[in-house]
């Protein structure tokens, strides 16, 4: 297939901050570098972004769709984007794509299925987590019951269904028993995310960073509850748990040591990570988070939980310290161990080596193979 044309559909796209949406941006960039003509169909985030622009070689078209917050789409906002984008799909014009890469089963997967049924264009759908029934019951519990038959149709009609971790594939197969789902882990930009220079010797406080939505699934209250020493914590992200986390930090007398950094832009994250000693991700449930891979590429010592796709890249005592989910005491013990600069250096160097095996160009090669062999 020479000079193939790829349409990427995702409800969010850079400079939007979400991990899966950033992954969509990286894959679009790699496809363009590989000689594919790349078009993107996404949301304008409630008028915050231009209707059209070219970014990293991809031609982006943003559909007008109401949205309240910069990050984290509600179910209603996803539905509104679907309805607006469906009208654009129905008026499909211009050079048709050879393939469609849909990020999330809904709304992107449903839009890709509509394109296939109307124009015969094959599509691959990428499962990132929240689009798989059962992944976030506290957020989409009632909606999942209604979406199960919808996502089964999207997956059944796709030429490829791709999950970002083994555990996510296994969860999806509960909804689609006997289905065929490949696994392609997320990648990381190992040039952008690099280790900082040596930290000056001394007894400065341990600098801990977490980059995640402030939601229960990320286990951040257990991280805040573990704070008892001289460390300082930066929480990069927004979400409904912020007030609870602020109150918890205050109750422990740590309010001056916990920074709520808000939605840090992707351009600022490399410097944020380079300014830290330890990355913490005490999740109760995960796929394979992009933020984790970025921290590993930055050469940080990592404290994480062995959930979802995390054990596929981290080994306890080899390139990270893995702790049982929901255990502040275990996080506390790990923080105490990481006061040793020698241990931090060893774990961080091993994490960087592991991240180098997951650069985005390698991830794109696997996607290219999947897309190129979809048939017609």
Protein backbone atom coordinates (compact mmCIF):
# COMPACT_ATOMS: atom_id res chain seq x y z
CA UNK A 1 0.00 0.00 0.00
CA UNK A 2 1.78 3.17 -1.24
CA UNK A 3 1.17 6.60 0.30
CA UNK A 4 -1.73 5.31 2.41
CA UNK A 5 -4.21 7.73 3.95
CA UNK A 6 -5.15 7.30 7.60
CA UNK A 7 -8.07 8.90 9.44
CA UNK A 8 -7.60 9.09 13.21
CA UNK A 9 -10.75 9.61 15.28
CA UNK A 10 -10.57 10.53 18.97
CA UNK A 11 -12.80 12.77 21.08
CA UNK A 12 -9.68 14.52 22.42
CA UNK A 13 -6.36 15.23 20.73
CA UNK A 14 -3.23 17.24 21.65
CA UNK A 15 -2.91 19.78 23.11
CA UNK A 16 -5.61 18.07 25.20
CA UNK A 17 -3.94 16.56 28.28
CA UNK A 18 -5.40 13.04 28.62
CA UNK A 19 -2.99 10.11 28.39
CA UNK A 20 -4.94 8.17 25.76
CA UNK A 21 -5.47 11.33 23.73
CA UNK A 22 -1.75 12.08 23.84
CA UNK A 23 -1.14 8.51 22.66
CA UNK A 24 -3.42 9.21 19.70
CA UNK A 25 -1.30 12.27 18.93
CA UNK A 26 1.98 10.39 19.10
CA UNK A 27 0.73 7.62 16.82
CA UNK A 28 -0.57 10.17 14.32
CA UNK A 29 2.84 11.86 14.37
CA UNK A 30 4.66 8.59 13.76
CA UNK A 31 2.30 7.67 10.93
CA UNK A 32 2.98 11.02 9.25
CA UNK A 33 6.72 10.55 9.66
CA UNK A 34 6.31 7.13 8.06
CA UNK A 35 4.84 8.69 4.92
CA UNK A 36 1.14 8.21 5.62
CA UNK A 37 -1.26 11.05 4.85
CA UNK A 38 -2.91 11.59 8.23
CA UNK A 39 -6.23 13.30 8.93
CA UNK A 40 -7.66 13.69 12.43
CA UNK A 41 -11.29 14.10 13.45
CA UNK A 42 -11.69 15.35 17.01
CA UNK A 43 -13.46 17.85 19.27
CA UNK A 44 -12.77 21.56 19.64
CA UNK A 45 -13.23 21.14 23.43
CA UNK A 46 -16.06 23.61 23.58
CA UNK A 47 -14.43 26.21 21.34
CA UNK A 48 -11.07 26.18 23.12
CA UNK A 49 -9.13 25.02 20.06
CA UNK A 50 -9.12 26.05 16.37
CA UNK A 51 -11.43 24.29 13.94
CA UNK A 52 -8.53 23.31 11.69
CA UNK A 53 -4.77 23.15 11.99
CA UNK A 54 -1.78 21.02 11.01
CA UNK A 55 0.16 19.45 13.88
CA UNK A 56 3.19 17.16 13.51
CA UNK A 57 2.26 16.47 9.91
CA UNK A 58 -1.38 15.61 10.61
CA UNK A 59 -4.30 17.66 9.27
CA UNK A 60 -6.66 18.17 12.22
CA UNK A 61 -10.36 18.94 11.90
CA UNK A 62 -12.11 19.77 15.15
CA UNK A 63 -15.87 19.40 15.44
CA UNK A 64 -17.77 21.96 17.49
CA UNK A 65 -18.97 20.17 20.62
CA UNK A 66 -19.97 21.76 23.96
CA UNK A 67 -17.64 20.95 26.86
CA UNK A 68 -17.31 22.43 30.35
CA UNK A 69 -13.86 21.41 31.59
CA UNK A 70 -10.54 21.31 29.76
CA UNK A 71 -9.92 17.72 30.87
CA UNK A 72 -12.04 14.63 31.60
CA UNK A 73 -15.11 14.23 29.37
CA UNK A 74 -18.47 13.44 30.92
CA UNK A 75 -20.70 10.79 29.36
CA UNK A 76 -23.03 13.54 28.13
CA UNK A 77 -20.15 15.41 26.47
CA UNK A 78 -19.00 12.23 24.72
CA UNK A 79 -22.53 11.80 23.44
CA UNK A 80 -22.69 15.36 22.16
CA UNK A 81 -19.40 14.93 20.32
CA UNK A 82 -20.68 11.71 18.77
CA UNK A 83 -23.82 13.39 17.45
CA UNK A 84 -21.88 16.35 16.05
CA UNK A 85 -19.18 14.17 14.48
CA UNK A 86 -21.77 11.78 13.04
CA UNK A 87 -23.15 14.61 10.96
CA UNK A 88 -19.63 15.28 9.66
CA UNK A 89 -19.17 11.58 8.85
CA UNK A 90 -22.49 11.50 7.02
CA UNK A 91 -21.32 14.42 4.86
CA UNK A 92 -18.04 12.66 4.19
CA UNK A 93 -16.14 14.44 1.41
CA UNK A 94 -12.61 14.78 0.12
CA UNK A 95 -10.04 12.03 -0.38
CA UNK A 96 -11.32 8.93 1.41
CA UNK A 97 -8.99 7.30 3.92
CA UNK A 98 -7.63 3.84 3.30
CA UNK A 99 -7.88 3.01 6.98
CA UNK A 100 -9.44 4.44 10.13
CA UNK A 101 -7.82 4.25 13.57
CA UNK A 102 -10.43 4.87 16.26
CA UNK A 103 -9.27 5.58 19.80
CA UNK A 104 -11.90 4.37 22.30
CA UNK A 105 -14.87 2.16 21.45
CA UNK A 106 -17.22 5.12 21.90
CA UNK A 107 -17.64 7.61 20.42
CA UNK A 108 -14.74 7.09 17.97
CA UNK A 109 -15.32 3.38 17.38
CA UNK A 110 -19.00 3.89 16.67
CA UNK A 111 -18.13 6.67 14.21
CA UNK A 112 -15.59 4.43 12.47
CA UNK A 113 -18.19 1.68 12.21
CA UNK A 114 -20.57 4.16 10.59
CA UNK A 115 -17.90 5.05 8.03
CA UNK A 116 -17.31 1.40 7.25
CA UNK A 117 -20.99 0.65 6.78
CA UNK A 118 -21.47 3.66 4.49
CA UNK A 119 -18.18 3.67 2.59
CA UNK A 120 -16.60 0.26 3.17
CA UNK A 121 -13.51 1.72 4.89
CA UNK A 122 -11.89 -0.78 7.29
CA UNK A 123 -11.08 0.36 10.80
CA UNK A 124 -9.11 -0.62 13.87
CA UNK A 125 -10.32 0.36 17.33
CA UNK A 126 -7.99 0.93 20.29
CA UNK A 127 -9.27 0.12 23.78
CA UNK A 128 -7.77 2.46 26.37
CA UNK A 129 -9.71 1.60 29.54
CA UNK A 130 -12.85 3.59 30.27
CA UNK A 131 -14.41 2.42 27.00
CA UNK A 132 -14.35 -1.21 28.19
CA UNK A 133 -17.42 -2.22 30.27
CA UNK A 134 -16.45 -2.84 33.88
CA UNK A 135 -13.31 -0.69 33.85
CA UNK A 136 -14.70 2.35 35.69
CA UNK A 137 -17.98 1.22 37.28
CA UNK A 138 -17.95 4.14 39.71
CA UNK A 139 -18.04 6.55 36.75
CA UNK A 140 -19.94 4.71 34.01
CA UNK A 141 -21.64 1.86 35.89
CA UNK A 142 -25.18 2.36 34.60
CA UNK A 143 -23.98 3.41 31.16
CA UNK A 144 -21.89 0.27 30.71
CA UNK A 145 -25.00 -1.91 30.76
CA UNK A 146 -26.46 0.07 27.86
CA UNK A 147 -23.15 0.25 25.99
CA UNK A 148 -22.32 -3.47 26.07
CA UNK A 149 -24.29 -4.37 22.93
CA UNK A 150 -22.97 -1.22 21.22
CA UNK A 151 -19.30 -1.94 21.87
CA UNK A 152 -19.76 -5.57 20.88
CA UNK A 153 -21.00 -4.39 17.47
CA UNK A 154 -18.09 -1.96 17.17
CA UNK A 155 -15.57 -4.68 18.02
CA UNK A 156 -17.21 -7.34 15.86
CA UNK A 157 -17.22 -5.14 12.75
CA UNK A 158 -13.65 -3.84 13.26
CA UNK A 159 -10.85 -5.40 11.25
CA UNK A 160 -8.64 -5.11 14.31
CA UNK A 161 -9.37 -4.59 18.00
CA UNK A 162 -6.32 -3.50 19.97
CA UNK A 163 -5.97 -3.19 23.76
CA UNK A 164 -3.12 -1.33 25.45
CA UNK A 165 -2.52 -4.07 28.04
CA UNK A 166 -3.14 -7.77 28.63
CA UNK A 167 -5.40 -7.07 31.60
CA UNK A 168 -7.57 -4.70 29.53
CA UNK A 169 -7.88 -7.33 26.80
CA UNK A 170 -8.96 -9.89 29.40
CA UNK A 171 -11.58 -7.49 30.76
CA UNK A 172 -12.89 -6.76 27.25
CA UNK A 173 -13.23 -10.48 26.53
CA UNK A 174 -15.76 -10.72 29.35
CA UNK A 175 -18.00 -8.53 27.22
CA UNK A 176 -16.97 -10.25 23.95
CA UNK A 177 -16.29 -13.93 24.74
CA UNK A 178 -14.40 -15.60 21.93
CA UNK A 179 -13.45 -12.30 20.31
CA UNK A 180 -10.04 -11.54 18.83
CA UNK A 181 -8.16 -8.72 20.58
CA UNK A 182 -4.49 -7.88 20.04
CA UNK A 183 -2.31 -6.13 22.60
CA UNK A 184 -0.03 -3.22 21.68
CA UNK A 185 1.30 -1.36 24.74
CA UNK A 186 1.52 2.41 24.77
CA UNK A 187 4.80 4.01 23.81
CA UNK A 188 6.83 6.91 25.15
CA UNK A 189 8.86 9.73 23.62
CA UNK A 190 12.31 8.79 24.92
CA UNK A 191 13.92 11.88 23.39
CA UNK A 192 11.56 14.35 25.03
CA UNK A 193 11.48 12.52 28.37
CA UNK A 194 15.08 12.13 29.54
CA UNK A 195 16.84 11.92 32.90
CA UNK A 196 17.97 15.13 34.55
CA UNK A 197 21.57 15.73 35.54
CA UNK A 198 22.87 14.53 38.92
CA UNK A 199 21.18 16.07 41.93
CA UNK A 200 23.54 17.99 44.25
CA UNK A 201 24.50 16.04 47.34
CA UNK A 202 22.74 16.97 50.56
CA UNK A 203 19.76 16.21 52.75
CA UNK A 204 17.12 18.10 50.75
CA UNK A 205 13.55 16.76 51.04
CA UNK A 206 12.62 13.87 48.79
CA UNK A 207 10.69 15.27 45.82
CA UNK A 208 7.77 13.01 44.88
CA UNK A 209 5.53 13.55 41.86
CA UNK A 210 2.28 11.93 40.75
CA UNK A 211 0.61 12.64 37.40
CA UNK A 212 -2.94 11.35 37.23
CA UNK A 213 -6.58 12.31 37.34
CA UNK A 214 -7.64 13.05 40.90
CA UNK A 215 -10.08 10.16 41.10
CA UNK A 216 -10.47 7.19 43.43
CA UNK A 217 -9.13 4.67 40.91
CA UNK A 218 -5.70 6.29 40.98
CA UNK A 219 -5.28 5.56 44.72
CA UNK A 220 -3.90 9.02 45.47
CA UNK A 221 -5.53 9.27 48.89
CA UNK A 222 -3.36 6.35 49.97
CA UNK A 223 -0.29 8.25 48.77
CA UNK A 224 -1.26 11.38 50.70
CA UNK A 225 -2.05 9.26 53.76
CA UNK A 226 1.46 7.78 53.55
CA UNK A 227 3.16 11.16 53.93
CA UNK A 228 4.83 11.52 57.28
CA UNK A 229 8.40 12.54 56.64
CA UNK A 230 10.21 15.40 54.99
CA UNK A 231 9.18 14.61 51.42
CA UNK A 232 7.33 17.03 49.21
CA UNK A 233 4.59 15.86 46.86
CA UNK A 234 3.41 17.44 43.59
CA UNK A 235 0.04 16.20 42.32
CA UNK A 236 -0.28 16.96 38.60
CA UNK A 237 -3.87 16.55 37.51
CA UNK A 238 -7.45 17.58 38.16
CA UNK A 239 -10.54 15.71 39.20
CA UNK A 240 -13.44 15.40 41.65
CA UNK A 241 -11.25 14.08 44.48
CA UNK A 242 -9.23 17.28 44.83
CA UNK A 243 -11.16 18.66 47.81
CA UNK A 244 -10.88 15.33 49.64
CA UNK A 245 -7.14 15.15 49.00
CA UNK A 246 -6.61 18.73 50.16
CA UNK A 247 -8.52 18.01 53.37
CA UNK A 248 -6.52 14.83 53.94
CA UNK A 249 -3.22 16.67 53.47
CA UNK A 250 -4.35 19.37 55.91
CA UNK A 251 -5.43 16.80 58.50
CA UNK A 252 -1.93 15.36 58.43
CA UNK A 253 -0.30 18.78 58.70
CA UNK A 254 1.12 18.35 55.19
CA UNK A 255 -0.78 21.09 53.38
CA UNK A 256 2.42 23.09 52.87
CA UNK A 257 4.21 20.03 51.48
CA UNK A 258 1.58 18.95 48.93
CA UNK A 259 1.34 20.99 45.74
CA UNK A 260 -1.84 20.73 43.70
CA UNK A 261 -0.35 21.63 40.34
CA UNK A 262 -3.55 21.24 38.32
CA UNK A 263 -3.57 20.23 34.66
CA UNK A 264 0.08 20.53 33.72
CA UNK A 265 0.51 20.97 29.97
CA UNK A 266 2.30 18.17 28.08
CA UNK A 267 5.02 20.65 27.11
CA UNK A 268 5.78 21.30 30.80
CA UNK A 269 5.75 17.67 31.97
CA UNK A 270 9.36 16.79 31.02
CA UNK A 271 10.71 19.58 33.23
CA UNK A 272 8.29 18.62 36.01
CA UNK A 273 9.55 15.04 35.97
CA UNK A 274 13.18 16.09 35.78
CA UNK A 275 12.65 18.16 38.92
CA UNK A 276 11.52 15.12 40.95
CA UNK A 277 13.26 12.20 42.65
CA UNK A 278 10.40 9.70 42.79
CA UNK A 279 7.29 9.04 40.69
CA UNK A 280 4.34 7.49 42.53
CA UNK A 281 1.35 5.79 40.95
CA UNK A 282 -0.58 3.86 43.64
CA UNK A 283 -3.47 2.92 41.33
CA UNK A 284 -6.20 0.48 42.26
CA UNK A 285 -6.84 -0.25 38.58
CA UNK A 286 -4.91 0.60 35.40
CA UNK A 287 -4.22 -0.15 31.76
CA UNK A 288 -0.68 0.90 30.88
CA UNK A 289 -0.58 4.62 31.76
CA UNK A 290 1.41 6.94 29.55
CA UNK A 291 2.42 8.99 32.60
CA UNK A 292 4.19 5.95 34.03
CA UNK A 293 6.20 5.36 30.86
CA UNK A 294 7.15 9.04 30.75
CA UNK A 295 8.41 8.88 34.34
CA UNK A 296 10.40 5.74 33.54
CA UNK A 297 11.94 7.40 30.48
CA UNK A 298 12.87 10.34 32.72
CA UNK A 299 14.92 7.98 34.86
CA UNK A 300 12.84 8.37 38.02
CA UNK A 301 12.63 5.78 40.76
CA UNK A 302 9.03 4.54 40.68
CA UNK A 303 6.59 3.42 43.37
CA UNK A 304 3.61 1.69 41.78
CA UNK A 305 1.08 -1.07 42.30
CA UNK A 306 1.13 -4.36 40.34
CA UNK A 307 -2.26 -3.81 38.66
CA UNK A 308 -3.37 -3.81 35.02
CA UNK A 309 -0.52 -3.55 32.55
CA UNK A 310 2.00 -2.19 35.08
CA UNK A 311 3.69 -5.57 35.77
CA UNK A 312 4.45 -5.85 32.04
CA UNK A 313 7.00 -3.03 32.37
CA UNK A 314 7.94 -2.97 36.08
CA UNK A 315 9.62 -5.59 38.27
CA UNK A 316 9.78 -5.13 42.03
CA UNK A 317 13.31 -4.44 43.16
CA UNK A 318 14.64 -4.39 39.60
CA UNK A 319 13.33 -1.17 38.10
CA UNK A 320 10.70 -0.08 40.65
CA UNK A 321 9.23 -0.70 44.07
CA UNK A 322 5.83 -2.35 43.75
CA UNK A 323 3.41 -2.11 46.67
CA UNK A 324 0.05 -3.68 47.41
CA UNK A 325 -2.89 -1.46 46.35
CA UNK A 326 -4.65 0.51 49.05
CA UNK A 327 -1.78 0.26 51.56
CA UNK A 328 -0.46 3.62 52.82
CA UNK A 329 1.92 1.76 55.14
CA UNK A 330 3.50 -0.01 52.16
CA UNK A 331 3.89 3.31 50.33
CA UNK A 332 5.45 4.80 53.46
CA UNK A 333 7.96 1.95 53.64
CA UNK A 334 8.85 2.43 49.97
CA UNK A 335 9.37 6.17 50.46
CA UNK A 336 11.68 5.45 53.38
CA UNK A 337 13.71 3.04 51.25
CA UNK A 338 14.03 5.61 48.50
CA UNK A 339 15.77 8.07 50.77
CA UNK A 340 18.82 6.10 49.68
CA UNK A 341 20.17 7.98 46.62
CA UNK A 342 22.01 4.87 45.45
CA UNK A 343 18.79 2.87 45.29
CA UNK A 344 17.01 5.70 43.49
CA UNK A 345 19.79 5.88 40.92
CA UNK A 346 19.81 2.12 40.30
CA UNK A 347 16.03 1.82 39.95
CA UNK A 348 15.79 4.95 37.80
CA UNK A 349 18.49 3.77 35.39
CA UNK A 350 16.78 0.38 35.04
CA UNK A 351 13.42 2.08 34.47
CA UNK A 352 14.95 4.21 31.71
CA UNK A 353 16.33 1.09 30.00
CA UNK A 354 12.91 -0.56 30.15
CA UNK A 355 11.24 2.57 28.71
CA UNK A 356 13.64 2.58 25.76
CA UNK A 357 11.97 -0.64 24.58
CA UNK A 358 8.65 1.23 24.31
CA UNK A 359 9.40 4.25 22.15
CA UNK A 360 6.57 5.45 19.91
CA UNK A 361 8.30 4.51 16.66
CA UNK A 362 8.35 0.87 17.77
CA UNK A 363 4.69 1.07 18.83
CA UNK A 364 3.75 2.60 15.47
CA UNK A 365 5.45 -0.24 13.56
CA UNK A 366 3.09 -2.68 15.27
CA UNK A 367 0.08 -0.48 14.51
CA UNK A 368 1.22 -0.14 10.89
CA UNK A 369 1.34 -3.91 10.55
CA UNK A 370 -2.14 -4.23 12.05
CA UNK A 371 -3.56 -1.53 9.80
CA UNK A 372 -1.81 -2.74 6.66
CA UNK A 373 -3.19 -6.24 7.02
CA UNK A 374 -6.81 -5.42 7.63
CA UNK A 375 -7.83 -6.39 4.14
CA UNK A 376 -10.57 -4.75 2.15
